């Protein structure tokens, strides 16, 4: 698996978590979990993809992580789902 495939997987994993995060109160337990549960998943993807730990791969995977969170939140807002408080 190459770096861009790993980035796509990290992005895809973060979409539902970003959707969930957008429906929670900021800094609540649910918000914290929605942001932090995908971190070990992203690390696992990095480990099993065998792309290594080069410094140059970090910006791409971090950007994929945050873009997945961001666009997941945008999807929630676009669909008009209610906010869970």
Protein backbone atom coordinates (compact mmCIF):
# COMPACT_ATOMS: atom_id res chain seq x y z
CA UNK A 1 0.00 0.00 0.00
CA UNK A 2 1.41 3.41 -0.87
CA UNK A 3 1.16 6.72 1.00
CA UNK A 4 -1.81 8.04 -0.98
CA UNK A 5 -3.84 4.88 -0.43
CA UNK A 6 -3.12 5.10 3.30
CA UNK A 7 -4.15 8.77 3.26
CA UNK A 8 -7.40 7.87 1.51
CA UNK A 9 -8.13 5.22 4.15
CA UNK A 10 -7.39 7.66 6.98
CA UNK A 11 -9.71 10.19 5.33
CA UNK A 12 -12.49 7.61 4.90
CA UNK A 13 -12.21 6.40 8.50
CA UNK A 14 -12.48 9.96 9.80
CA UNK A 15 -15.63 10.87 7.85
CA UNK A 16 -18.07 9.13 10.24
CA UNK A 17 -16.16 10.39 13.27
CA UNK A 18 -16.32 13.95 11.92
CA UNK A 19 -20.05 13.45 11.33
CA UNK A 20 -20.43 12.34 14.95
CA UNK A 21 -18.20 15.15 16.29
CA UNK A 22 -20.26 17.82 14.53
CA UNK A 23 -23.34 16.65 16.42
CA UNK A 24 -21.83 16.97 19.87
CA UNK A 25 -21.14 19.81 22.24
CA UNK A 26 -17.56 21.05 21.89
CA UNK A 27 -15.15 19.64 24.48
CA UNK A 28 -17.71 17.14 25.80
CA UNK A 29 -16.81 13.48 26.32
CA UNK A 30 -18.49 12.49 23.05
CA UNK A 31 -16.57 15.22 21.19
CA UNK A 32 -13.29 14.04 22.75
CA UNK A 33 -14.01 10.44 21.74
CA UNK A 34 -15.00 11.41 18.18
CA UNK A 35 -11.68 13.21 17.76
CA UNK A 36 -9.42 10.67 19.47
CA UNK A 37 -10.82 7.20 18.67
CA UNK A 38 -9.60 7.36 15.05
CA UNK A 39 -6.01 8.17 16.12
CA UNK A 40 -5.03 4.53 16.89
CA UNK A 41 -6.78 3.48 13.68
CA UNK A 42 -4.68 5.95 11.67
CA UNK A 43 -1.53 4.72 13.41
CA UNK A 44 -2.52 1.13 12.59
CA UNK A 45 -3.00 2.04 8.93
CA UNK A 46 0.45 3.66 8.91
CA UNK A 47 1.99 0.59 10.55
CA UNK A 48 0.33 -2.03 8.34
CA UNK A 49 0.76 -0.07 5.11
CA UNK A 50 4.54 -0.35 5.55
CA UNK A 51 5.08 3.25 4.41
CA UNK A 52 7.47 3.74 7.29
CA UNK A 53 7.80 6.67 9.63
CA UNK A 54 9.46 9.21 7.34
CA UNK A 55 8.89 12.80 8.34
CA UNK A 56 7.63 13.61 4.83
CA UNK A 57 4.59 11.33 5.25
CA UNK A 58 3.29 13.05 8.38
CA UNK A 59 1.80 16.17 6.71
CA UNK A 60 -0.12 14.06 4.20
CA UNK A 61 -1.63 11.71 6.78
CA UNK A 62 -2.37 14.50 9.27
CA UNK A 63 -4.08 16.50 6.51
CA UNK A 64 -6.13 13.42 5.57
CA UNK A 65 -7.12 13.00 9.23
CA UNK A 66 -8.30 16.59 9.63
CA UNK A 67 -9.95 16.73 6.21
CA UNK A 68 -11.95 13.60 7.08
CA UNK A 69 -13.08 15.22 10.33
CA UNK A 70 -13.88 18.50 8.57
CA UNK A 71 -15.84 17.01 5.67
CA UNK A 72 -17.67 14.59 7.98
CA UNK A 73 -18.86 17.64 9.93
CA UNK A 74 -19.85 19.40 6.71
CA UNK A 75 -21.91 16.38 5.65
CA UNK A 76 -23.74 16.45 8.98
CA UNK A 77 -24.52 20.14 8.65
CA UNK A 78 -25.62 19.72 5.02
CA UNK A 79 -27.99 16.86 5.87
CA UNK A 80 -29.50 18.93 8.67
CA UNK A 81 -29.07 16.30 11.35
CA UNK A 82 -29.96 17.54 14.80
CA UNK A 83 -27.25 18.30 17.32
CA UNK A 84 -27.04 15.86 20.24
CA UNK A 85 -26.39 17.69 23.50
